[in-house]
Amino acid sequence: MEAATAAAPLSGDKAARIVDAMRASVAARGIAASTFDHVARAAGVSRGLLHYYFGSKERLLVEVVRRECNVRKERLEAAIKGADSADRVLAALVQSLRDFLGAGPTAALMVYEMLTLAQRNPEIANELAELARSTRLHLAEVLRAKRDSGVLELRDDPETVAAFLFALADGITVRSLSEPGFDIAPVMAHAASCARALLG
């Protein structure tokens, strides 16, 4: 893949269509086979417009990962918002992970492929690190708000708890991807118990 280069600010329907088309292409073909030509045809735009908005395939993939993360953040925040006890906050967290795993392996595989790519592309590495940081801090703020309202009694600072929750989810996701036939339910139950202990 070509090196990432500067691109135009993202806005408007065309940019959104391109991101959606890449997401669909990755689901159908995988990252390696998802070319600008495929995506341009699916989005109904010229190949040159993809270069204009994104500069490179890597940057477009980062936008797809960012879209996935934003959707997950919005859904999780909405689920936790009305939770009035630690058990209900935990239930929302567990359901969010189940929904993610139930949506199929595409999103998770894409993130992990991007992490591999980041090992040889510093710009992509920086983009993904910032995306991971912002996602972690977002969950930390949600947990902090629940603590401040008396719903949770966190056993550590919100950022550490958020990082631990993501680490649990990452481990379960990798195990699910590496052993598709493995019954992950008992592992998730133990992970939920660990998470519950930190929520107070």
N, C-alpha and C. Protein backbone atom coordinates (compact mmCIF):
# COMPACT_ATOMS: atom_id res chain seq x y z
N MET A 1 0.84 -1.19 0.00
CA MET A 1 0.00 0.00 0.00
C MET A 1 0.88 1.25 0.00
N GLU A 2 0.38 2.29 -0.62
CA GLU A 2 1.16 3.51 -0.70
C GLU A 2 1.20 4.21 0.64
N ALA A 3 2.21 5.04 0.84
CA ALA A 3 2.35 5.75 2.10
C ALA A 3 1.23 6.76 2.26
N ALA A 4 0.85 7.01 3.53
CA ALA A 4 -0.22 7.96 3.79
C ALA A 4 0.26 9.37 3.49
N THR A 5 -0.61 10.18 2.92
CA THR A 5 -0.28 11.56 2.61
C THR A 5 -1.41 12.45 3.11
N ALA A 6 -1.15 13.77 3.09
CA ALA A 6 -2.16 14.70 3.55
C ALA A 6 -3.38 14.63 2.65
N ALA A 7 -4.55 14.83 3.25
CA ALA A 7 -5.78 14.76 2.48
C ALA A 7 -6.68 15.92 2.85
N ALA A 8 -7.76 16.07 2.09
CA ALA A 8 -8.70 17.17 2.34
C ALA A 8 -9.51 16.89 3.60
N PRO A 9 -9.99 17.95 4.27
CA PRO A 9 -10.87 17.75 5.43
C PRO A 9 -12.10 16.96 5.02
N LEU A 10 -12.52 16.06 5.92
CA LEU A 10 -13.66 15.20 5.60
C LEU A 10 -14.97 15.89 5.94
N SER A 11 -15.86 15.93 4.96
CA SER A 11 -17.18 16.48 5.21
C SER A 11 -18.06 16.10 4.03
N GLY A 12 -19.36 16.12 4.26
CA GLY A 12 -20.29 15.92 3.17
C GLY A 12 -20.64 14.47 2.90
N ASP A 13 -21.63 14.31 2.05
CA ASP A 13 -22.18 13.01 1.73
C ASP A 13 -21.19 12.11 1.00
N LYS A 14 -20.39 12.69 0.10
CA LYS A 14 -19.47 11.86 -0.68
C LYS A 14 -18.43 11.19 0.19
N ALA A 15 -17.86 11.94 1.13
CA ALA A 15 -16.87 11.36 2.03
C ALA A 15 -17.48 10.23 2.85
N ALA A 16 -18.71 10.45 3.34
CA ALA A 16 -19.39 9.42 4.13
C ALA A 16 -19.66 8.18 3.30
N ARG A 17 -20.05 8.39 2.03
CA ARG A 17 -20.31 7.25 1.14
C ARG A 17 -19.05 6.44 0.88
N ILE A 18 -17.93 7.13 0.76
CA ILE A 18 -16.65 6.45 0.53
C ILE A 18 -16.29 5.59 1.74
N VAL A 19 -16.43 6.16 2.93
CA VAL A 19 -16.12 5.39 4.15
C VAL A 19 -17.03 4.17 4.26
N ASP A 20 -18.31 4.36 4.00
CA ASP A 20 -19.25 3.24 4.06
C ASP A 20 -18.91 2.17 3.02
N ALA A 21 -18.51 2.61 1.82
CA ALA A 21 -18.16 1.67 0.77
C ALA A 21 -16.92 0.87 1.13
N MET A 22 -15.93 1.50 1.76
CA MET A 22 -14.74 0.77 2.19
C MET A 22 -15.10 -0.23 3.28
N ARG A 23 -15.97 0.17 4.19
CA ARG A 23 -16.41 -0.75 5.26
C ARG A 23 -17.06 -1.99 4.64
N ALA A 24 -17.92 -1.79 3.66
CA ALA A 24 -18.60 -2.91 3.01
C ALA A 24 -17.61 -3.75 2.21
N SER A 25 -16.64 -3.11 1.58
CA SER A 25 -15.65 -3.85 0.79
C SER A 25 -14.78 -4.71 1.67
N VAL A 26 -14.36 -4.18 2.81
CA VAL A 26 -13.55 -4.96 3.74
C VAL A 26 -14.33 -6.18 4.22
N ALA A 27 -15.62 -5.98 4.48
CA ALA A 27 -16.46 -7.09 4.93
C ALA A 27 -16.55 -8.18 3.86
N ALA A 28 -16.60 -7.76 2.59
CA ALA A 28 -16.77 -8.71 1.50
C ALA A 28 -15.46 -9.32 1.00
N ARG A 29 -14.37 -8.50 0.99
CA ARG A 29 -13.13 -8.93 0.34
C ARG A 29 -11.92 -9.00 1.27
N GLY A 30 -12.00 -8.34 2.43
CA GLY A 30 -10.80 -8.20 3.25
C GLY A 30 -10.07 -6.93 2.89
N ILE A 31 -9.09 -6.56 3.70
CA ILE A 31 -8.37 -5.30 3.50
C ILE A 31 -7.52 -5.34 2.23
N ALA A 32 -6.75 -6.40 2.05
CA ALA A 32 -5.80 -6.44 0.93
C ALA A 32 -6.50 -6.28 -0.42
N ALA A 33 -7.68 -6.89 -0.57
CA ALA A 33 -8.38 -6.87 -1.86
C ALA A 33 -9.31 -5.67 -2.00
N SER A 34 -9.41 -4.84 -0.98
CA SER A 34 -10.29 -3.66 -1.06
C SER A 34 -9.52 -2.50 -1.68
N THR A 35 -9.59 -2.38 -2.98
CA THR A 35 -8.83 -1.36 -3.71
C THR A 35 -9.65 -0.08 -3.86
N PHE A 36 -8.95 1.01 -4.21
CA PHE A 36 -9.63 2.27 -4.48
C PHE A 36 -10.62 2.12 -5.63
N ASP A 37 -10.28 1.28 -6.60
CA ASP A 37 -11.18 1.08 -7.73
C ASP A 37 -12.50 0.47 -7.28
N HIS A 38 -12.43 -0.58 -6.44
CA HIS A 38 -13.65 -1.20 -5.91
C HIS A 38 -14.48 -0.19 -5.13
N VAL A 39 -13.80 0.54 -4.26
CA VAL A 39 -14.50 1.46 -3.36
C VAL A 39 -15.12 2.61 -4.15
N ALA A 40 -14.39 3.13 -5.12
CA ALA A 40 -14.91 4.24 -5.92
C ALA A 40 -16.19 3.83 -6.66
N ARG A 41 -16.17 2.63 -7.27
CA ARG A 41 -17.36 2.16 -7.98
C ARG A 41 -18.54 2.01 -7.02
N ALA A 42 -18.29 1.41 -5.85
CA ALA A 42 -19.37 1.18 -4.89
C ALA A 42 -19.93 2.49 -4.35
N ALA A 43 -19.07 3.49 -4.18
CA ALA A 43 -19.50 4.78 -3.64
C ALA A 43 -20.07 5.70 -4.71
N GLY A 44 -19.88 5.31 -5.98
CA GLY A 44 -20.39 6.14 -7.07
C GLY A 44 -19.61 7.43 -7.25
N VAL A 45 -18.29 7.37 -7.00
CA VAL A 45 -17.44 8.56 -7.15
C VAL A 45 -16.21 8.17 -7.98
N SER A 46 -15.43 9.17 -8.36
CA SER A 46 -14.21 8.89 -9.11
C SER A 46 -13.10 8.44 -8.17
N ARG A 47 -12.14 7.69 -8.73
CA ARG A 47 -11.00 7.25 -7.93
C ARG A 47 -10.21 8.46 -7.43
N GLY A 48 -10.16 9.49 -8.26
CA GLY A 48 -9.43 10.69 -7.86
C GLY A 48 -10.01 11.35 -6.63
N LEU A 49 -11.34 11.23 -6.43
CA LEU A 49 -11.97 11.82 -5.26
C LEU A 49 -11.52 11.11 -3.98
N LEU A 50 -11.28 9.80 -4.07
CA LEU A 50 -10.77 9.08 -2.91
C LEU A 50 -9.40 9.61 -2.51
N HIS A 51 -8.55 9.86 -3.52
CA HIS A 51 -7.23 10.43 -3.24
C HIS A 51 -7.36 11.84 -2.66
N TYR A 52 -8.33 12.59 -3.17
CA TYR A 52 -8.53 13.97 -2.69
C TYR A 52 -8.91 13.98 -1.20
N TYR A 53 -9.86 13.13 -0.83
CA TYR A 53 -10.34 13.12 0.54
C TYR A 53 -9.39 12.40 1.50
N PHE A 54 -8.76 11.33 1.03
CA PHE A 54 -8.02 10.48 1.96
C PHE A 54 -6.53 10.37 1.69
N GLY A 55 -6.09 10.62 0.47
CA GLY A 55 -4.67 10.58 0.19
C GLY A 55 -4.11 9.19 -0.02
N SER A 56 -4.58 8.23 0.76
CA SER A 56 -4.06 6.86 0.66
C SER A 56 -5.10 5.88 1.20
N LYS A 57 -4.90 4.64 0.86
CA LYS A 57 -5.78 3.57 1.36
C LYS A 57 -5.69 3.48 2.87
N GLU A 58 -4.48 3.67 3.42
CA GLU A 58 -4.31 3.58 4.87
C GLU A 58 -5.16 4.60 5.61
N ARG A 59 -5.16 5.83 5.08
CA ARG A 59 -5.94 6.88 5.76
C ARG A 59 -7.43 6.60 5.66
N LEU A 60 -7.86 6.04 4.55
CA LEU A 60 -9.26 5.67 4.42
C LEU A 60 -9.61 4.57 5.42
N LEU A 61 -8.73 3.61 5.60
CA LEU A 61 -8.97 2.55 6.57
C LEU A 61 -9.03 3.11 7.99
N VAL A 62 -8.19 4.09 8.29
CA VAL A 62 -8.25 4.73 9.61
C VAL A 62 -9.62 5.36 9.82
N GLU A 63 -10.17 5.99 8.77
CA GLU A 63 -11.49 6.59 8.90
C GLU A 63 -12.57 5.54 9.14
N VAL A 64 -12.42 4.37 8.50
CA VAL A 64 -13.37 3.29 8.73
C VAL A 64 -13.29 2.81 10.17
N VAL A 65 -12.07 2.65 10.69
CA VAL A 65 -11.90 2.24 12.09
C VAL A 65 -12.47 3.30 13.02
N ARG A 66 -12.23 4.58 12.68
CA ARG A 66 -12.77 5.66 13.51
C ARG A 66 -14.29 5.62 13.53
N ARG A 67 -14.91 5.35 12.38
CA ARG A 67 -16.36 5.25 12.32
C ARG A 67 -16.86 4.11 13.22
N GLU A 68 -16.18 2.97 13.16
CA GLU A 68 -16.56 1.84 14.00
C GLU A 68 -16.47 2.21 15.48
N CYS A 69 -15.38 2.87 15.84
CA CYS A 69 -15.19 3.26 17.25
C CYS A 69 -16.25 4.26 17.70
N ASN A 70 -16.56 5.23 16.85
CA ASN A 70 -17.57 6.24 17.20
C ASN A 70 -18.94 5.61 17.40
N VAL A 71 -19.29 4.67 16.52
CA VAL A 71 -20.58 4.00 16.66
C VAL A 71 -20.64 3.22 17.96
N ARG A 72 -19.56 2.51 18.27
CA ARG A 72 -19.52 1.74 19.52
C ARG A 72 -19.60 2.66 20.74
N LYS A 73 -18.89 3.80 20.70
CA LYS A 73 -18.93 4.74 21.81
C LYS A 73 -20.34 5.28 22.03
N GLU A 74 -21.00 5.65 20.93
CA GLU A 74 -22.36 6.20 21.04
C GLU A 74 -23.33 5.17 21.59
N ARG A 75 -23.24 3.94 21.11
CA ARG A 75 -24.14 2.90 21.59
C ARG A 75 -23.90 2.58 23.06
N LEU A 76 -22.62 2.49 23.44
CA LEU A 76 -22.29 2.17 24.83
C LEU A 76 -22.74 3.29 25.76
N GLU A 77 -22.48 4.53 25.36
CA GLU A 77 -22.88 5.66 26.20
C GLU A 77 -24.40 5.70 26.37
N ALA A 78 -25.13 5.43 25.30
CA ALA A 78 -26.59 5.42 25.37
C ALA A 78 -27.07 4.31 26.30
N ALA A 79 -26.41 3.14 26.24
CA ALA A 79 -26.82 2.02 27.09
C ALA A 79 -26.53 2.28 28.56
N ILE A 80 -25.40 2.92 28.85
CA ILE A 80 -25.01 3.17 30.24
C ILE A 80 -25.75 4.36 30.82
N LYS A 81 -26.16 5.29 29.97
CA LYS A 81 -26.75 6.54 30.44
C LYS A 81 -27.87 6.33 31.45
N GLY A 82 -28.77 5.40 31.20
CA GLY A 82 -29.89 5.20 32.10
C GLY A 82 -29.63 4.20 33.21
N ALA A 83 -28.41 3.62 33.25
CA ALA A 83 -28.10 2.61 34.27
C ALA A 83 -28.02 3.27 35.64
N ASP A 84 -28.78 2.73 36.61
CA ASP A 84 -28.83 3.33 37.94
C ASP A 84 -28.19 2.45 39.01
N SER A 85 -27.39 1.46 38.59
CA SER A 85 -26.68 0.61 39.54
C SER A 85 -25.44 0.04 38.85
N ALA A 86 -24.50 -0.44 39.68
CA ALA A 86 -23.28 -1.03 39.13
C ALA A 86 -23.61 -2.24 38.28
N ASP A 87 -24.59 -3.02 38.70
CA ASP A 87 -24.96 -4.21 37.93
C ASP A 87 -25.51 -3.84 36.55
N ARG A 88 -26.26 -2.76 36.48
CA ARG A 88 -26.80 -2.36 35.19
C ARG A 88 -25.73 -1.73 34.29
N VAL A 89 -24.78 -1.04 34.89
CA VAL A 89 -23.65 -0.55 34.10
C VAL A 89 -22.87 -1.73 33.54
N LEU A 90 -22.63 -2.74 34.38
CA LEU A 90 -21.92 -3.93 33.92
C LEU A 90 -22.70 -4.63 32.82
N ALA A 91 -24.00 -4.75 32.97
CA ALA A 91 -24.82 -5.40 31.95
C ALA A 91 -24.70 -4.67 30.61
N ALA A 92 -24.66 -3.35 30.65
CA ALA A 92 -24.52 -2.57 29.42
C ALA A 92 -23.15 -2.81 28.78
N LEU A 93 -22.10 -2.90 29.59
CA LEU A 93 -20.76 -3.17 29.08
C LEU A 93 -20.68 -4.55 28.43
N VAL A 94 -21.25 -5.54 29.11
CA VAL A 94 -21.22 -6.91 28.59
C VAL A 94 -22.02 -7.00 27.29
N GLN A 95 -23.19 -6.36 27.26
CA GLN A 95 -24.01 -6.40 26.05
C GLN A 95 -23.32 -5.72 24.88
N SER A 96 -22.58 -4.64 25.17
CA SER A 96 -21.85 -3.95 24.12
C SER A 96 -20.82 -4.87 23.49
N LEU A 97 -20.12 -5.65 24.32
CA LEU A 97 -19.13 -6.59 23.79
C LEU A 97 -19.82 -7.71 23.01
N ARG A 98 -20.93 -8.20 23.52
CA ARG A 98 -21.66 -9.26 22.82
C ARG A 98 -22.14 -8.76 21.45
N ASP A 99 -22.62 -7.53 21.42
CA ASP A 99 -23.07 -6.97 20.14
C ASP A 99 -21.92 -6.87 19.15
N PHE A 100 -20.76 -6.45 19.65
CA PHE A 100 -19.58 -6.31 18.81
C PHE A 100 -19.16 -7.67 18.25
N LEU A 101 -19.12 -8.68 19.11
CA LEU A 101 -18.74 -10.02 18.66
C LEU A 101 -19.81 -10.62 17.75
N GLY A 102 -21.06 -10.32 18.05
CA GLY A 102 -22.15 -10.87 17.24
C GLY A 102 -22.26 -10.27 15.87
N ALA A 103 -21.64 -9.10 15.68
CA ALA A 103 -21.69 -8.44 14.37
C ALA A 103 -20.77 -9.10 13.35
N GLY A 104 -20.00 -10.10 13.81
CA GLY A 104 -19.08 -10.78 12.91
C GLY A 104 -17.66 -10.27 13.09
N PRO A 105 -16.69 -10.96 12.49
CA PRO A 105 -15.29 -10.66 12.74
C PRO A 105 -14.72 -9.47 11.98
N THR A 106 -15.46 -8.91 11.03
CA THR A 106 -14.88 -7.91 10.14
C THR A 106 -14.28 -6.72 10.87
N ALA A 107 -15.04 -6.11 11.78
CA ALA A 107 -14.56 -4.91 12.46
C ALA A 107 -13.32 -5.21 13.28
N ALA A 108 -13.35 -6.29 14.05
CA ALA A 108 -12.20 -6.63 14.89
C ALA A 108 -10.97 -6.96 14.04
N LEU A 109 -11.17 -7.75 12.99
CA LEU A 109 -10.04 -8.11 12.12
C LEU A 109 -9.44 -6.87 11.48
N MET A 110 -10.29 -5.92 11.10
CA MET A 110 -9.81 -4.71 10.47
C MET A 110 -8.93 -3.92 11.45
N VAL A 111 -9.36 -3.82 12.69
CA VAL A 111 -8.57 -3.10 13.69
C VAL A 111 -7.22 -3.77 13.88
N TYR A 112 -7.22 -5.10 13.99
CA TYR A 112 -5.97 -5.81 14.22
C TYR A 112 -5.05 -5.75 13.00
N GLU A 113 -5.62 -5.79 11.81
CA GLU A 113 -4.79 -5.63 10.60
C GLU A 113 -4.18 -4.23 10.57
N MET A 114 -4.96 -3.24 10.99
CA MET A 114 -4.45 -1.87 11.02
C MET A 114 -3.33 -1.73 12.05
N LEU A 115 -3.44 -2.43 13.17
CA LEU A 115 -2.37 -2.39 14.17
C LEU A 115 -1.08 -3.00 13.62
N THR A 116 -1.22 -4.06 12.82
CA THR A 116 -0.06 -4.65 12.17
C THR A 116 0.57 -3.67 11.19
N LEU A 117 -0.28 -3.02 10.40
CA LEU A 117 0.20 -2.02 9.45
C LEU A 117 0.92 -0.89 10.17
N ALA A 118 0.43 -0.53 11.35
CA ALA A 118 1.00 0.59 12.10
C ALA A 118 2.45 0.32 12.51
N GLN A 119 2.83 -0.94 12.60
CA GLN A 119 4.20 -1.26 12.99
C GLN A 119 5.22 -0.79 11.97
N ARG A 120 4.79 -0.56 10.71
CA ARG A 120 5.73 -0.09 9.69
C ARG A 120 5.28 1.24 9.07
N ASN A 121 4.28 1.86 9.66
CA ASN A 121 3.81 3.15 9.15
C ASN A 121 3.58 4.09 10.34
N PRO A 122 4.55 4.94 10.66
CA PRO A 122 4.45 5.80 11.85
C PRO A 122 3.22 6.70 11.86
N GLU A 123 2.80 7.19 10.71
CA GLU A 123 1.63 8.08 10.68
C GLU A 123 0.37 7.32 11.07
N ILE A 124 0.22 6.10 10.54
CA ILE A 124 -0.92 5.29 10.91
C ILE A 124 -0.84 4.91 12.38
N ALA A 125 0.37 4.62 12.87
CA ALA A 125 0.55 4.29 14.28
C ALA A 125 0.07 5.44 15.17
N ASN A 126 0.43 6.66 14.80
CA ASN A 126 0.00 7.82 15.57
C ASN A 126 -1.52 7.99 15.53
N GLU A 127 -2.11 7.79 14.36
CA GLU A 127 -3.56 7.93 14.21
C GLU A 127 -4.28 6.90 15.10
N LEU A 128 -3.83 5.65 15.06
CA LEU A 128 -4.49 4.61 15.83
C LEU A 128 -4.28 4.80 17.33
N ALA A 129 -3.09 5.26 17.72
CA ALA A 129 -2.82 5.51 19.13
C ALA A 129 -3.75 6.60 19.66
N GLU A 130 -3.95 7.65 18.88
CA GLU A 130 -4.84 8.73 19.29
C GLU A 130 -6.29 8.25 19.35
N LEU A 131 -6.66 7.41 18.41
CA LEU A 131 -8.02 6.87 18.41
C LEU A 131 -8.25 5.99 19.64
N ALA A 132 -7.27 5.16 19.96
CA ALA A 132 -7.38 4.30 21.15
C ALA A 132 -7.44 5.15 22.42
N ARG A 133 -6.61 6.18 22.48
CA ARG A 133 -6.59 7.05 23.66
C ARG A 133 -7.93 7.76 23.84
N SER A 134 -8.47 8.30 22.76
CA SER A 134 -9.73 9.05 22.87
C SER A 134 -10.88 8.12 23.26
N THR A 135 -10.86 6.89 22.75
CA THR A 135 -11.91 5.94 23.10
C THR A 135 -11.82 5.56 24.58
N ARG A 136 -10.60 5.33 25.04
CA ARG A 136 -10.39 4.99 26.46
C ARG A 136 -10.82 6.15 27.36
N LEU A 137 -10.43 7.37 26.99
CA LEU A 137 -10.78 8.53 27.81
C LEU A 137 -12.29 8.78 27.80
N HIS A 138 -12.93 8.47 26.69
CA HIS A 138 -14.39 8.64 26.61
C HIS A 138 -15.08 7.72 27.61
N LEU A 139 -14.68 6.45 27.63
CA LEU A 139 -15.26 5.52 28.59
C LEU A 139 -14.94 5.96 30.01
N ALA A 140 -13.73 6.46 30.23
CA ALA A 140 -13.35 6.93 31.57
C ALA A 140 -14.26 8.06 32.02
N GLU A 141 -14.61 8.96 31.11
CA GLU A 141 -15.51 10.07 31.47
C GLU A 141 -16.91 9.56 31.80
N VAL A 142 -17.37 8.57 31.06
CA VAL A 142 -18.69 7.98 31.36
C VAL A 142 -18.67 7.35 32.74
N LEU A 143 -17.60 6.61 33.06
CA LEU A 143 -17.49 5.98 34.38
C LEU A 143 -17.35 7.02 35.48
N ARG A 144 -16.61 8.09 35.20
CA ARG A 144 -16.44 9.16 36.20
C ARG A 144 -17.78 9.81 36.52
N ALA A 145 -18.58 10.04 35.49
CA ALA A 145 -19.88 10.65 35.70
C ALA A 145 -20.77 9.75 36.56
N LYS A 146 -20.71 8.44 36.31
CA LYS A 146 -21.50 7.51 37.11
C LYS A 146 -20.99 7.44 38.54
N ARG A 147 -19.69 7.54 38.71
CA ARG A 147 -19.14 7.58 40.07
C ARG A 147 -19.57 8.85 40.80
N ASP A 148 -19.48 9.98 40.13
CA ASP A 148 -19.82 11.25 40.77
C ASP A 148 -21.30 11.34 41.11
N SER A 149 -22.14 10.60 40.36
CA SER A 149 -23.58 10.62 40.65
C SER A 149 -23.97 9.56 41.69
N GLY A 150 -22.98 8.80 42.17
CA GLY A 150 -23.24 7.82 43.22
C GLY A 150 -23.64 6.44 42.73
N VAL A 151 -23.67 6.25 41.43
CA VAL A 151 -24.05 4.94 40.89
C VAL A 151 -22.93 3.93 41.06
N LEU A 152 -21.68 4.37 40.88
CA LEU A 152 -20.53 3.49 40.99
C LEU A 152 -19.62 3.93 42.14
N GLU A 153 -18.90 2.98 42.70
CA GLU A 153 -17.83 3.25 43.66
C GLU A 153 -16.56 2.60 43.12
N LEU A 154 -15.96 3.25 42.15
CA LEU A 154 -14.82 2.67 41.44
C LEU A 154 -13.68 2.34 42.39
N ARG A 155 -13.04 1.18 42.17
CA ARG A 155 -11.93 0.73 43.01
C ARG A 155 -10.60 1.31 42.58
N ASP A 156 -10.59 2.07 41.50
CA ASP A 156 -9.39 2.74 41.02
C ASP A 156 -9.84 3.96 40.24
N ASP A 157 -8.88 4.73 39.74
CA ASP A 157 -9.27 5.92 38.99
C ASP A 157 -9.95 5.51 37.68
N PRO A 158 -10.86 6.34 37.17
CA PRO A 158 -11.65 5.96 35.98
C PRO A 158 -10.83 5.56 34.77
N GLU A 159 -9.68 6.21 34.54
CA GLU A 159 -8.88 5.87 33.37
C GLU A 159 -8.29 4.46 33.48
N THR A 160 -7.85 4.10 34.69
CA THR A 160 -7.30 2.75 34.88
C THR A 160 -8.39 1.70 34.73
N VAL A 161 -9.56 1.98 35.28
CA VAL A 161 -10.68 1.04 35.15
C VAL A 161 -11.07 0.88 33.67
N ALA A 162 -11.14 2.00 32.95
CA ALA A 162 -11.49 1.94 31.53
C ALA A 162 -10.46 1.13 30.76
N ALA A 163 -9.17 1.35 31.05
CA ALA A 163 -8.12 0.61 30.35
C ALA A 163 -8.23 -0.89 30.64
N PHE A 164 -8.55 -1.23 31.89
CA PHE A 164 -8.69 -2.65 32.25
C PHE A 164 -9.89 -3.27 31.53
N LEU A 165 -10.98 -2.55 31.46
CA LEU A 165 -12.17 -3.07 30.77
C LEU A 165 -11.88 -3.32 29.29
N PHE A 166 -11.16 -2.40 28.66
CA PHE A 166 -10.79 -2.61 27.26
C PHE A 166 -9.84 -3.79 27.11
N ALA A 167 -8.93 -3.96 28.07
CA ALA A 167 -8.00 -5.10 28.01
C ALA A 167 -8.76 -6.42 28.09
N LEU A 168 -9.76 -6.49 28.96
CA LEU A 168 -10.60 -7.69 29.04
C LEU A 168 -11.31 -7.95 27.71
N ALA A 169 -11.90 -6.90 27.17
CA ALA A 169 -12.64 -7.05 25.91
C ALA A 169 -11.70 -7.45 24.77
N ASP A 170 -10.50 -6.87 24.74
CA ASP A 170 -9.54 -7.22 23.70
C ASP A 170 -9.16 -8.69 23.78
N GLY A 171 -8.92 -9.18 25.00
CA GLY A 171 -8.54 -10.57 25.18
C GLY A 171 -9.65 -11.52 24.73
N ILE A 172 -10.87 -11.22 25.09
CA ILE A 172 -12.00 -12.05 24.69
C ILE A 172 -12.18 -12.02 23.17
N THR A 173 -12.01 -10.84 22.58
CA THR A 173 -12.15 -10.72 21.12
C THR A 173 -11.10 -11.56 20.39
N VAL A 174 -9.85 -11.48 20.84
CA VAL A 174 -8.78 -12.25 20.20
C VAL A 174 -9.05 -13.75 20.35
N ARG A 175 -9.51 -14.17 21.53
CA ARG A 175 -9.81 -15.59 21.74
C ARG A 175 -10.95 -16.04 20.82
N SER A 176 -11.94 -15.21 20.65
CA SER A 176 -13.06 -15.55 19.78
C SER A 176 -12.63 -15.67 18.32
N LEU A 177 -11.72 -14.77 17.91
CA LEU A 177 -11.24 -14.80 16.53
C LEU A 177 -10.32 -16.00 16.28
N SER A 178 -9.51 -16.35 17.27
CA SER A 178 -8.53 -17.42 17.06
C SER A 178 -9.14 -18.81 17.18
N GLU A 179 -10.25 -18.93 17.95
CA GLU A 179 -10.94 -20.22 18.11
C GLU A 179 -12.44 -20.01 17.90
N PRO A 180 -12.88 -19.91 16.65
CA PRO A 180 -14.29 -19.60 16.37
C PRO A 180 -15.29 -20.56 17.02
N GLY A 181 -14.91 -21.82 17.19
CA GLY A 181 -15.85 -22.77 17.77
C GLY A 181 -15.80 -22.85 19.28
N PHE A 182 -14.93 -22.09 19.89
CA PHE A 182 -14.76 -22.13 21.34
C PHE A 182 -15.92 -21.43 22.04
N ASP A 183 -16.44 -22.06 23.10
CA ASP A 183 -17.54 -21.46 23.87
C ASP A 183 -16.96 -20.38 24.78
N ILE A 184 -17.15 -19.13 24.40
CA ILE A 184 -16.55 -18.01 25.12
C ILE A 184 -17.37 -17.60 26.34
N ALA A 185 -18.58 -18.13 26.50
CA ALA A 185 -19.49 -17.68 27.57
C ALA A 185 -18.89 -17.81 28.97
N PRO A 186 -18.26 -18.94 29.34
CA PRO A 186 -17.68 -19.03 30.69
C PRO A 186 -16.57 -18.00 30.92
N VAL A 187 -15.77 -17.75 29.88
CA VAL A 187 -14.71 -16.76 30.00
C VAL A 187 -15.30 -15.37 30.20
N MET A 188 -16.37 -15.07 29.44
CA MET A 188 -17.03 -13.77 29.60
C MET A 188 -17.60 -13.61 30.99
N ALA A 189 -18.11 -14.70 31.56
CA ALA A 189 -18.67 -14.64 32.92
C ALA A 189 -17.59 -14.28 33.93
N HIS A 190 -16.42 -14.88 33.79
CA HIS A 190 -15.31 -14.56 34.70
C HIS A 190 -14.82 -13.13 34.48
N ALA A 191 -14.77 -12.71 33.23
CA ALA A 191 -14.36 -11.34 32.93
C ALA A 191 -15.35 -10.35 33.55
N ALA A 192 -16.63 -10.67 33.47
CA ALA A 192 -17.66 -9.80 34.06
C ALA A 192 -17.49 -9.71 35.57
N SER A 193 -17.12 -10.82 36.20
CA SER A 193 -16.89 -10.80 37.66
C SER A 193 -15.72 -9.89 38.01
N CYS A 194 -14.65 -9.96 37.21
CA CYS A 194 -13.50 -9.08 37.43
C CYS A 194 -13.89 -7.62 37.26
N ALA A 195 -14.66 -7.35 36.21
CA ALA A 195 -15.09 -5.98 35.96
C ALA A 195 -15.99 -5.48 37.08
N ARG A 196 -16.88 -6.33 37.54
CA ARG A 196 -17.80 -5.94 38.63
C ARG A 196 -17.06 -5.55 39.89
N ALA A 197 -15.96 -6.24 40.17
CA ALA A 197 -15.18 -5.94 41.36
C ALA A 197 -14.58 -4.53 41.30
N LEU A 198 -14.25 -4.08 40.09
CA LEU A 198 -13.68 -2.74 39.95
C LEU A 198 -14.73 -1.63 39.94
N LEU A 199 -15.96 -2.00 39.58
CA LEU A 199 -17.02 -0.98 39.51
C LEU A 199 -17.56 -0.60 40.88
N GLY A 200 -17.35 -1.48 41.87
CA GLY A 200 -17.79 -1.17 43.23
C GLY A 200 -19.23 -1.49 43.49
